[in-house]
Amino acid sequence: MTALTLIAVGAVGLGGCASKGFVRDQIATVNQRIDGLDGRLRTVEGTSGQALTQAQAAAAQAQQNSQRIDQLGTRVDSSEQQMQQLQQQRARRPRG
């Protein structure tokens, strides 16, 4: 009876253990997947970095364009005021 108990306990105890080779194979598979994901992550990081650089350049260009538009608006307003003054001066002068 004792021998039978030892065999049963040994079978149950050893049946749940994984061999070193099995563990190495499983770890190798997981490492390959991690390496693949790492490569894809680096690609995404590079692409996002380029997109950020382009967005910052576009924002700077938009700001410059806005400043130029503001300057042109000021010039147009000034020109309109000068034209109104000239028209008023012409209207005050007697004809003939």
N, C-alpha and C. Protein backbone atom coordinates (compact mmCIF):
# COMPACT_ATOMS: atom_id res chain seq x y z
N MET A 1 0.82 -1.18 0.00
CA MET A 1 0.00 0.00 0.00
C MET A 1 0.87 1.26 0.00
N THR A 2 1.96 1.25 0.75
CA THR A 2 2.86 2.39 0.80
C THR A 2 3.51 2.60 -0.56
N ALA A 3 3.90 1.57 -1.21
CA ALA A 3 4.52 1.69 -2.53
C ALA A 3 3.54 2.28 -3.53
N LEU A 4 2.28 1.85 -3.46
CA LEU A 4 1.26 2.36 -4.36
C LEU A 4 1.01 3.85 -4.12
N THR A 5 1.02 4.26 -2.87
CA THR A 5 0.84 5.66 -2.52
C THR A 5 2.01 6.49 -3.04
N LEU A 6 3.22 6.00 -2.88
CA LEU A 6 4.40 6.72 -3.37
C LEU A 6 4.37 6.87 -4.89
N ILE A 7 3.96 5.84 -5.57
CA ILE A 7 3.88 5.91 -7.04
C ILE A 7 2.82 6.92 -7.47
N ALA A 8 1.67 6.92 -6.80
CA ALA A 8 0.59 7.85 -7.15
C ALA A 8 1.02 9.29 -6.88
N VAL A 9 1.63 9.53 -5.74
CA VAL A 9 2.10 10.89 -5.40
C VAL A 9 3.20 11.32 -6.37
N GLY A 10 4.09 10.43 -6.70
CA GLY A 10 5.18 10.75 -7.64
C GLY A 10 4.64 11.07 -9.03
N ALA A 11 3.67 10.32 -9.47
CA ALA A 11 3.09 10.54 -10.80
C ALA A 11 2.38 11.89 -10.86
N VAL A 12 1.62 12.21 -9.84
CA VAL A 12 0.91 13.49 -9.80
C VAL A 12 1.90 14.64 -9.68
N GLY A 13 2.89 14.47 -8.83
CA GLY A 13 3.88 15.53 -8.61
C GLY A 13 4.74 15.79 -9.82
N LEU A 14 5.17 14.76 -10.48
CA LEU A 14 6.04 14.94 -11.64
C LEU A 14 5.28 15.24 -12.92
N GLY A 15 4.03 14.88 -12.97
CA GLY A 15 3.24 15.11 -14.17
C GLY A 15 3.02 16.58 -14.46
N GLY A 16 3.06 17.44 -13.47
CA GLY A 16 2.83 18.87 -13.65
C GLY A 16 4.08 19.65 -13.98
N CYS A 17 5.23 19.04 -13.99
CA CYS A 17 6.49 19.73 -14.25
C CYS A 17 6.76 19.81 -15.74
N ALA A 18 7.30 20.91 -16.16
CA ALA A 18 7.67 21.08 -17.56
C ALA A 18 9.16 20.85 -17.70
N SER A 19 9.54 20.29 -18.81
CA SER A 19 10.97 20.05 -19.04
C SER A 19 11.65 21.36 -19.42
N LYS A 20 12.96 21.40 -19.26
CA LYS A 20 13.73 22.59 -19.61
C LYS A 20 13.58 22.90 -21.09
N GLY A 21 13.57 21.87 -21.91
CA GLY A 21 13.43 22.08 -23.36
C GLY A 21 12.10 22.71 -23.71
N PHE A 22 11.03 22.25 -23.08
CA PHE A 22 9.70 22.80 -23.33
C PHE A 22 9.65 24.27 -22.94
N VAL A 23 10.20 24.59 -21.78
CA VAL A 23 10.21 25.97 -21.30
C VAL A 23 11.04 26.85 -22.24
N ARG A 24 12.18 26.37 -22.69
CA ARG A 24 13.02 27.13 -23.64
C ARG A 24 12.26 27.41 -24.93
N ASP A 25 11.56 26.39 -25.44
CA ASP A 25 10.79 26.58 -26.67
C ASP A 25 9.70 27.63 -26.50
N GLN A 26 9.01 27.56 -25.38
CA GLN A 26 7.94 28.52 -25.13
C GLN A 26 8.49 29.94 -24.97
N ILE A 27 9.59 30.05 -24.26
CA ILE A 27 10.21 31.36 -24.07
C ILE A 27 10.74 31.90 -25.40
N ALA A 28 11.29 31.04 -26.23
CA ALA A 28 11.80 31.47 -27.54
C ALA A 28 10.66 32.00 -28.39
N THR A 29 9.51 31.34 -28.36
CA THR A 29 8.35 31.80 -29.11
C THR A 29 7.88 33.16 -28.61
N VAL A 30 7.81 33.32 -27.32
CA VAL A 30 7.40 34.60 -26.74
C VAL A 30 8.41 35.69 -27.07
N ASN A 31 9.69 35.37 -27.00
CA ASN A 31 10.72 36.36 -27.33
C ASN A 31 10.63 36.80 -28.78
N GLN A 32 10.33 35.88 -29.69
CA GLN A 32 10.18 36.25 -31.10
C GLN A 32 9.01 37.21 -31.27
N ARG A 33 7.93 36.94 -30.59
CA ARG A 33 6.77 37.83 -30.68
C ARG A 33 7.09 39.20 -30.10
N ILE A 34 7.82 39.22 -29.00
CA ILE A 34 8.21 40.49 -28.39
C ILE A 34 9.13 41.26 -29.33
N ASP A 35 10.08 40.59 -29.96
CA ASP A 35 10.98 41.26 -30.90
C ASP A 35 10.20 41.86 -32.07
N GLY A 36 9.22 41.12 -32.57
CA GLY A 36 8.39 41.62 -33.67
C GLY A 36 7.60 42.85 -33.25
N LEU A 37 7.03 42.81 -32.06
CA LEU A 37 6.28 43.97 -31.56
C LEU A 37 7.19 45.15 -31.30
N ASP A 38 8.39 44.87 -30.83
CA ASP A 38 9.35 45.94 -30.57
C ASP A 38 9.72 46.65 -31.87
N GLY A 39 9.92 45.87 -32.93
CA GLY A 39 10.23 46.47 -34.24
C GLY A 39 9.09 47.33 -34.75
N ARG A 40 7.87 46.83 -34.59
CA ARG A 40 6.71 47.61 -35.03
C ARG A 40 6.55 48.87 -34.20
N LEU A 41 6.82 48.78 -32.91
CA LEU A 41 6.74 49.94 -32.04
C LEU A 41 7.75 51.01 -32.45
N ARG A 42 8.94 50.59 -32.78
CA ARG A 42 9.97 51.55 -33.22
C ARG A 42 9.55 52.23 -34.52
N THR A 43 8.93 51.48 -35.41
CA THR A 43 8.44 52.07 -36.66
C THR A 43 7.36 53.12 -36.37
N VAL A 44 6.45 52.79 -35.48
CA VAL A 44 5.38 53.73 -35.13
C VAL A 44 5.96 54.97 -34.46
N GLU A 45 6.93 54.78 -33.59
CA GLU A 45 7.56 55.93 -32.93
C GLU A 45 8.23 56.84 -33.94
N GLY A 46 8.92 56.24 -34.93
CA GLY A 46 9.56 57.05 -35.97
C GLY A 46 8.55 57.83 -36.79
N THR A 47 7.47 57.16 -37.16
CA THR A 47 6.44 57.82 -37.95
C THR A 47 5.77 58.93 -37.16
N SER A 48 5.49 58.68 -35.89
CA SER A 48 4.85 59.72 -35.08
C SER A 48 5.79 60.90 -34.85
N GLY A 49 7.08 60.63 -34.73
CA GLY A 49 8.05 61.72 -34.60
C GLY A 49 8.09 62.59 -35.84
N GLN A 50 8.05 61.96 -37.00
CA GLN A 50 8.02 62.72 -38.26
C GLN A 50 6.74 63.54 -38.37
N ALA A 51 5.62 62.94 -37.99
CA ALA A 51 4.35 63.65 -38.04
C ALA A 51 4.35 64.86 -37.11
N LEU A 52 4.93 64.69 -35.93
CA LEU A 52 5.02 65.80 -34.98
C LEU A 52 5.87 66.93 -35.55
N THR A 53 6.99 66.59 -36.15
CA THR A 53 7.87 67.60 -36.74
C THR A 53 7.15 68.36 -37.85
N GLN A 54 6.43 67.64 -38.70
CA GLN A 54 5.69 68.28 -39.78
C GLN A 54 4.57 69.16 -39.24
N ALA A 55 3.90 68.71 -38.20
CA ALA A 55 2.81 69.50 -37.61
C ALA A 55 3.35 70.78 -36.99
N GLN A 56 4.50 70.69 -36.35
CA GLN A 56 5.09 71.88 -35.75
C GLN A 56 5.52 72.88 -36.83
N ALA A 57 6.07 72.37 -37.93
CA ALA A 57 6.46 73.24 -39.03
C ALA A 57 5.23 73.90 -39.65
N ALA A 58 4.16 73.15 -39.80
CA ALA A 58 2.92 73.71 -40.36
C ALA A 58 2.33 74.77 -39.44
N ALA A 59 2.40 74.55 -38.14
CA ALA A 59 1.89 75.53 -37.17
C ALA A 59 2.71 76.81 -37.24
N ALA A 60 4.02 76.68 -37.37
CA ALA A 60 4.88 77.87 -37.47
C ALA A 60 4.57 78.63 -38.76
N GLN A 61 4.38 77.91 -39.86
CA GLN A 61 4.06 78.56 -41.13
C GLN A 61 2.70 79.26 -41.05
N ALA A 62 1.74 78.62 -40.39
CA ALA A 62 0.42 79.22 -40.24
C ALA A 62 0.50 80.51 -39.42
N GLN A 63 1.34 80.50 -38.40
CA GLN A 63 1.50 81.71 -37.59
C GLN A 63 2.12 82.84 -38.42
N GLN A 64 3.12 82.52 -39.22
CA GLN A 64 3.73 83.53 -40.09
C GLN A 64 2.71 84.08 -41.07
N ASN A 65 1.91 83.19 -41.65
CA ASN A 65 0.89 83.63 -42.60
C ASN A 65 -0.13 84.53 -41.92
N SER A 66 -0.50 84.20 -40.70
CA SER A 66 -1.45 85.02 -39.95
C SER A 66 -0.89 86.41 -39.69
N GLN A 67 0.38 86.48 -39.35
CA GLN A 67 1.01 87.78 -39.11
C GLN A 67 1.05 88.61 -40.39
N ARG A 68 1.35 87.96 -41.50
CA ARG A 68 1.38 88.69 -42.78
C ARG A 68 -0.01 89.19 -43.15
N ILE A 69 -1.03 88.38 -42.90
CA ILE A 69 -2.40 88.80 -43.20
C ILE A 69 -2.78 89.99 -42.33
N ASP A 70 -2.40 89.95 -41.06
CA ASP A 70 -2.67 91.08 -40.17
C ASP A 70 -1.99 92.35 -40.68
N GLN A 71 -0.75 92.23 -41.14
CA GLN A 71 -0.03 93.39 -41.67
C GLN A 71 -0.71 93.93 -42.92
N LEU A 72 -1.13 93.03 -43.79
CA LEU A 72 -1.83 93.48 -45.00
C LEU A 72 -3.16 94.12 -44.66
N GLY A 73 -3.85 93.59 -43.67
CA GLY A 73 -5.12 94.20 -43.24
C GLY A 73 -4.91 95.61 -42.73
N THR A 74 -3.84 95.82 -42.00
CA THR A 74 -3.52 97.16 -41.50
C THR A 74 -3.23 98.10 -42.67
N ARG A 75 -2.50 97.63 -43.65
CA ARG A 75 -2.21 98.45 -44.84
C ARG A 75 -3.49 98.81 -45.60
N VAL A 76 -4.35 97.85 -45.76
CA VAL A 76 -5.61 98.10 -46.47
C VAL A 76 -6.44 99.12 -45.70
N ASP A 77 -6.55 98.97 -44.39
CA ASP A 77 -7.30 99.92 -43.59
C ASP A 77 -6.73 101.33 -43.73
N SER A 78 -5.41 101.44 -43.70
CA SER A 78 -4.75 102.73 -43.84
C SER A 78 -5.04 103.33 -45.21
N SER A 79 -4.96 102.52 -46.25
CA SER A 79 -5.23 103.00 -47.61
C SER A 79 -6.68 103.46 -47.75
N GLU A 80 -7.61 102.74 -47.15
CA GLU A 80 -9.01 103.13 -47.21
C GLU A 80 -9.23 104.46 -46.50
N GLN A 81 -8.58 104.66 -45.37
CA GLN A 81 -8.71 105.93 -44.65
C GLN A 81 -8.17 107.08 -45.49
N GLN A 82 -7.04 106.88 -46.14
CA GLN A 82 -6.46 107.92 -46.98
C GLN A 82 -7.38 108.24 -48.15
N MET A 83 -7.99 107.21 -48.74
CA MET A 83 -8.91 107.44 -49.86
C MET A 83 -10.15 108.22 -49.39
N GLN A 84 -10.66 107.90 -48.23
CA GLN A 84 -11.82 108.63 -47.71
C GLN A 84 -11.47 110.09 -47.45
N GLN A 85 -10.27 110.33 -46.93
CA GLN A 85 -9.85 111.71 -46.67
C GLN A 85 -9.73 112.48 -47.98
N LEU A 86 -9.15 111.84 -48.99
CA LEU A 86 -9.03 112.51 -50.30
C LEU A 86 -10.40 112.80 -50.89
N GLN A 87 -11.33 111.87 -50.77
CA GLN A 87 -12.68 112.08 -51.29
C GLN A 87 -13.37 113.22 -50.55
N GLN A 88 -13.17 113.32 -49.27
CA GLN A 88 -13.77 114.39 -48.49
C GLN A 88 -13.16 115.74 -48.87
N GLN A 89 -11.84 115.77 -49.12
CA GLN A 89 -11.18 117.00 -49.51
C GLN A 89 -11.68 117.43 -50.89
N ARG A 90 -11.86 116.54 -51.80
CA ARG A 90 -12.35 116.85 -53.14
C ARG A 90 -13.79 117.36 -53.09
N ALA A 91 -14.57 116.79 -52.20
CA ALA A 91 -15.97 117.22 -52.08
C ALA A 91 -16.07 118.62 -51.51
N ARG A 92 -15.16 119.06 -50.72
CA ARG A 92 -15.16 120.39 -50.11
C ARG A 92 -14.69 121.47 -51.08
N ARG A 93 -13.88 121.11 -52.05
CA ARG A 93 -13.36 122.12 -52.97
C ARG A 93 -14.47 122.60 -53.91
N PRO A 94 -14.48 123.84 -54.14
CA PRO A 94 -15.48 124.34 -55.10
C PRO A 94 -15.09 123.96 -56.52
N ARG A 95 -16.06 123.67 -57.32
CA ARG A 95 -15.81 123.31 -58.70
C ARG A 95 -15.83 124.54 -59.57
N GLY A 96 -14.97 124.47 -60.49
CA GLY A 96 -15.02 125.46 -61.54
C GLY A 96 -14.21 126.61 -61.33
